[in-house]
Amino acid sequence: MIYTASFFKLKHFKGEAVSVANSCPDWFEGKQLKSFSPPWWAVNKFKKGEMDWERFTVVYNGYLDQADISEEMNYITNILSEGADVTLLCWEHHAGRCHRRLLAEWLSKKLKIELDKDNIR
């Protein structure tokens, strides 16, 4: 199962914790998959209000479709194929407008696995 959580909410980690952010806290010792981070220019435009959430979603999903992320996909696939859970982590407090939710949805479609929306935090 894929879960998501913020670095700030430790109680929501399930299974293997994997950072999908450009950076992570000093205390985090888990795997970092920075290639799953959205393009920084898009993050900046969104934060400045120069890009709305709908456009950010299109840009990020397009990035995922085009990026060379086969190693990262294999890493996630290996965890899930062993029957383990994975938690995708980043800095955003809430998943509503966060790339980790978009990534979880994208992975769910690509890997043809069910995504329990209650696990997206």
C-alpha atoms as a PDB file:
ATOM      1  CA  MET A   1       0.000   0.000   0.000  1.00  0.00           C
ATOM      2  CA  ILE A   2       1.168   3.532  -0.722  1.00  0.00           C
ATOM      3  CA  TYR A   3       0.856   6.117   2.013  1.00  0.00           C
ATOM      4  CA  THR A   4       1.884   9.749   2.093  1.00  0.00           C
ATOM      5  CA  ALA A   5       2.869  11.976   4.990  1.00  0.00           C
ATOM      6  CA  SER A   6       4.673  15.132   5.924  1.00  0.00           C
ATOM      7  CA  PHE A   7       8.053  15.047   7.609  1.00  0.00           C
ATOM      8  CA  PHE A   8       6.250  16.952  10.380  1.00  0.00           C
ATOM      9  CA  LYS A   9       3.784  14.135  11.144  1.00  0.00           C
ATOM     10  CA  LEU A  10       5.809  11.144  12.244  1.00  0.00           C
ATOM     11  CA  LYS A  11       2.803   9.098  13.346  1.00  0.00           C
ATOM     12  CA  HIS A  12       1.633   8.755   9.727  1.00  0.00           C
ATOM     13  CA  PHE A  13       4.688   6.798   8.538  1.00  0.00           C
ATOM     14  CA  LYS A  14       3.851   3.217   7.518  1.00  0.00           C
ATOM     15  CA  GLY A  15       6.286   0.721   6.101  1.00  0.00           C
ATOM     16  CA  GLU A  16       9.374   2.148   4.438  1.00  0.00           C
ATOM     17  CA  ALA A  17       9.622   5.925   4.581  1.00  0.00           C
ATOM     18  CA  VAL A  18      10.909   7.435   1.326  1.00  0.00           C
ATOM     19  CA  SER A  19      11.628  11.112   0.754  1.00  0.00           C
ATOM     20  CA  VAL A  20      10.291  12.462  -2.539  1.00  0.00           C
ATOM     21  CA  ALA A  21      11.353  16.028  -1.755  1.00  0.00           C
ATOM     22  CA  ASN A  22      14.279  18.091  -3.045  1.00  0.00           C
ATOM     23  CA  SER A  23      15.666  18.052   0.488  1.00  0.00           C
ATOM     24  CA  CYS A  24      14.878  16.366   3.774  1.00  0.00           C
ATOM     25  CA  PRO A  25      15.445  16.957   7.491  1.00  0.00           C
ATOM     26  CA  ASP A  26      18.868  16.155   8.928  1.00  0.00           C
ATOM     27  CA  TRP A  27      17.362  13.409  11.088  1.00  0.00           C
ATOM     28  CA  PHE A  28      15.903  11.522   8.098  1.00  0.00           C
ATOM     29  CA  GLU A  29      17.987   8.455   7.275  1.00  0.00           C
ATOM     30  CA  GLY A  30      15.683   6.804   4.743  1.00  0.00           C
ATOM     31  CA  LYS A  31      15.916   6.585   0.980  1.00  0.00           C
ATOM     32  CA  GLN A  32      15.789   9.854  -0.947  1.00  0.00           C
ATOM     33  CA  LEU A  33      14.220   9.769  -4.394  1.00  0.00           C
ATOM     34  CA  LYS A  34      14.782  13.365  -5.498  1.00  0.00           C
ATOM     35  CA  SER A  35      13.847  12.591  -9.095  1.00  0.00           C
ATOM     36  CA  PHE A  36      10.232  12.366  -7.932  1.00  0.00           C
ATOM     37  CA  SER A  37      10.421  16.024  -6.876  1.00  0.00           C
ATOM     38  CA  PRO A  38       8.588  18.449  -9.145  1.00  0.00           C
ATOM     39  CA  PRO A  39      10.633  20.834 -11.285  1.00  0.00           C
ATOM     40  CA  TRP A  40      11.760  23.673  -9.036  1.00  0.00           C
ATOM     41  CA  TRP A  41      10.622  26.345 -11.495  1.00  0.00           C
ATOM     42  CA  ALA A  42       7.068  24.967 -11.260  1.00  0.00           C
ATOM     43  CA  VAL A  43       7.155  24.925  -7.450  1.00  0.00           C
ATOM     44  CA  ASN A  44       8.313  28.556  -7.419  1.00  0.00           C
ATOM     45  CA  LYS A  45       5.619  29.667  -9.867  1.00  0.00           C
ATOM     46  CA  PHE A  46       2.951  27.896  -7.817  1.00  0.00           C
ATOM     47  CA  LYS A  47       4.168  29.382  -4.528  1.00  0.00           C
ATOM     48  CA  LYS A  48       4.254  32.881  -6.060  1.00  0.00           C
ATOM     49  CA  GLY A  49       0.697  32.500  -7.373  1.00  0.00           C
ATOM     50  CA  GLU A  50       1.885  32.569 -10.979  1.00  0.00           C
ATOM     51  CA  MET A  51       0.542  29.059 -11.592  1.00  0.00           C
ATOM     52  CA  ASP A  52      -2.699  27.591 -10.252  1.00  0.00           C
ATOM     53  CA  TRP A  53      -3.015  24.100  -8.812  1.00  0.00           C
ATOM     54  CA  GLU A  54      -4.650  22.669 -11.919  1.00  0.00           C
ATOM     55  CA  ARG A  55      -1.761  23.833 -14.111  1.00  0.00           C
ATOM     56  CA  PHE A  56       0.805  22.618 -11.559  1.00  0.00           C
ATOM     57  CA  THR A  57      -0.865  19.195 -11.648  1.00  0.00           C
ATOM     58  CA  VAL A  58      -0.599  19.057 -15.447  1.00  0.00           C
ATOM     59  CA  VAL A  59       3.046  20.167 -15.367  1.00  0.00           C
ATOM     60  CA  TYR A  60       4.022  17.675 -12.665  1.00  0.00           C
ATOM     61  CA  ASN A  61       2.209  14.742 -14.260  1.00  0.00           C
ATOM     62  CA  GLY A  62       3.842  15.650 -17.586  1.00  0.00           C
ATOM     63  CA  TYR A  63       7.217  15.730 -15.860  1.00  0.00           C
ATOM     64  CA  LEU A  64       6.627  12.266 -14.386  1.00  0.00           C
ATOM     65  CA  ASP A  65       5.583  10.910 -17.782  1.00  0.00           C
ATOM     66  CA  GLN A  66       8.767  12.232 -19.436  1.00  0.00           C
ATOM     67  CA  ALA A  67      11.419  11.961 -16.708  1.00  0.00           C
ATOM     68  CA  ASP A  68      13.984   9.193 -16.497  1.00  0.00           C
ATOM     69  CA  ILE A  69      12.739   7.715 -13.236  1.00  0.00           C
ATOM     70  CA  SER A  70      13.054   4.002 -13.974  1.00  0.00           C
ATOM     71  CA  GLU A  71      15.375   3.394 -10.993  1.00  0.00           C
ATOM     72  CA  GLU A  72      12.974   5.171  -8.662  1.00  0.00           C
ATOM     73  CA  MET A  73      10.015   3.234 -10.077  1.00  0.00           C
ATOM     74  CA  ASN A  74      11.905  -0.037  -9.593  1.00  0.00           C
ATOM     75  CA  TYR A  75      12.683   0.900  -6.001  1.00  0.00           C
ATOM     76  CA  ILE A  76       9.011   1.535  -5.187  1.00  0.00           C
ATOM     77  CA  THR A  77       7.881  -1.525  -7.148  1.00  0.00           C
ATOM     78  CA  ASN A  78      10.312  -3.768  -5.251  1.00  0.00           C
ATOM     79  CA  ILE A  79       8.991  -2.585  -1.897  1.00  0.00           C
ATOM     80  CA  LEU A  80       5.376  -3.141  -2.905  1.00  0.00           C
ATOM     81  CA  SER A  81       6.042  -6.489  -4.589  1.00  0.00           C
ATOM     82  CA  GLU A  82       7.436  -7.802  -1.295  1.00  0.00           C
ATOM     83  CA  GLY A  83       4.095  -7.012   0.322  1.00  0.00           C
ATOM     84  CA  ALA A  84       5.495  -4.068   2.264  1.00  0.00           C
ATOM     85  CA  ASP A  85       4.066  -0.568   2.518  1.00  0.00           C
ATOM     86  CA  VAL A  86       5.791   2.630   1.469  1.00  0.00           C
ATOM     87  CA  THR A  87       5.223   6.165   2.730  1.00  0.00           C
ATOM     88  CA  LEU A  88       6.092   9.027   0.388  1.00  0.00           C
ATOM     89  CA  LEU A  89       7.351  12.000   2.401  1.00  0.00           C
ATOM     90  CA  CYS A  90       7.835  15.686   1.748  1.00  0.00           C
ATOM     91  CA  TRP A  91       7.669  18.991   3.589  1.00  0.00           C
ATOM     92  CA  GLU A  92       4.118  20.116   2.824  1.00  0.00           C
ATOM     93  CA  HIS A  93       1.893  19.859   5.902  1.00  0.00           C
ATOM     94  CA  HIS A  94      -1.256  18.762   4.039  1.00  0.00           C
ATOM     95  CA  ALA A  95      -1.562  16.532   0.994  1.00  0.00           C
ATOM     96  CA  GLY A  96      -4.414  18.467  -0.596  1.00  0.00           C
ATOM     97  CA  ARG A  97      -2.095  20.597  -2.709  1.00  0.00           C
ATOM     98  CA  CYS A  98       1.096  18.628  -2.521  1.00  0.00           C
ATOM     99  CA  HIS A  99       3.086  16.733  -5.113  1.00  0.00           C
ATOM    100  CA  ARG A 100       3.272  13.630  -2.907  1.00  0.00           C
ATOM    101  CA  ARG A 101      -0.488  13.124  -3.379  1.00  0.00           C
ATOM    102  CA  LEU A 102      -0.132  13.624  -7.125  1.00  0.00           C
ATOM    103  CA  LEU A 103       2.770  11.177  -7.131  1.00  0.00           C
ATOM    104  CA  ALA A 104       0.797   8.570  -5.173  1.00  0.00           C
ATOM    105  CA  GLU A 105      -2.072   8.871  -7.653  1.00  0.00           C
ATOM    106  CA  TRP A 106       0.332   8.679 -10.620  1.00  0.00           C
ATOM    107  CA  LEU A 107       2.088   5.621  -9.176  1.00  0.00           C
ATOM    108  CA  SER A 108      -1.256   3.980  -8.520  1.00  0.00           C
ATOM    109  CA  LYS A 109      -2.194   4.333 -12.188  1.00  0.00           C
ATOM    110  CA  LYS A 110       1.208   3.326 -13.561  1.00  0.00           C
ATOM    111  CA  LEU A 111       1.614   0.332 -11.269  1.00  0.00           C
ATOM    112  CA  LYS A 112      -2.071  -0.613 -11.487  1.00  0.00           C
ATOM    113  CA  ILE A 113      -2.532  -0.718  -7.735  1.00  0.00           C
ATOM    114  CA  GLU A 114      -5.448   0.462  -5.683  1.00  0.00           C
ATOM    115  CA  LEU A 115      -4.948   3.658  -3.752  1.00  0.00           C
ATOM    116  CA  ASP A 116      -6.828   4.144  -0.493  1.00  0.00           C
ATOM    117  CA  LYS A 117      -7.502   7.897  -0.362  1.00  0.00           C
ATOM    118  CA  ASP A 118      -7.652   7.704   3.461  1.00  0.00           C
ATOM    119  CA  ASN A 119      -3.911   6.933   3.449  1.00  0.00           C
ATOM    120  CA  ILE A 120      -3.042  10.152   1.624  1.00  0.00           C
ATOM    121  CA  ARG A 121      -2.185  12.704   4.302  1.00  0.00           C
END
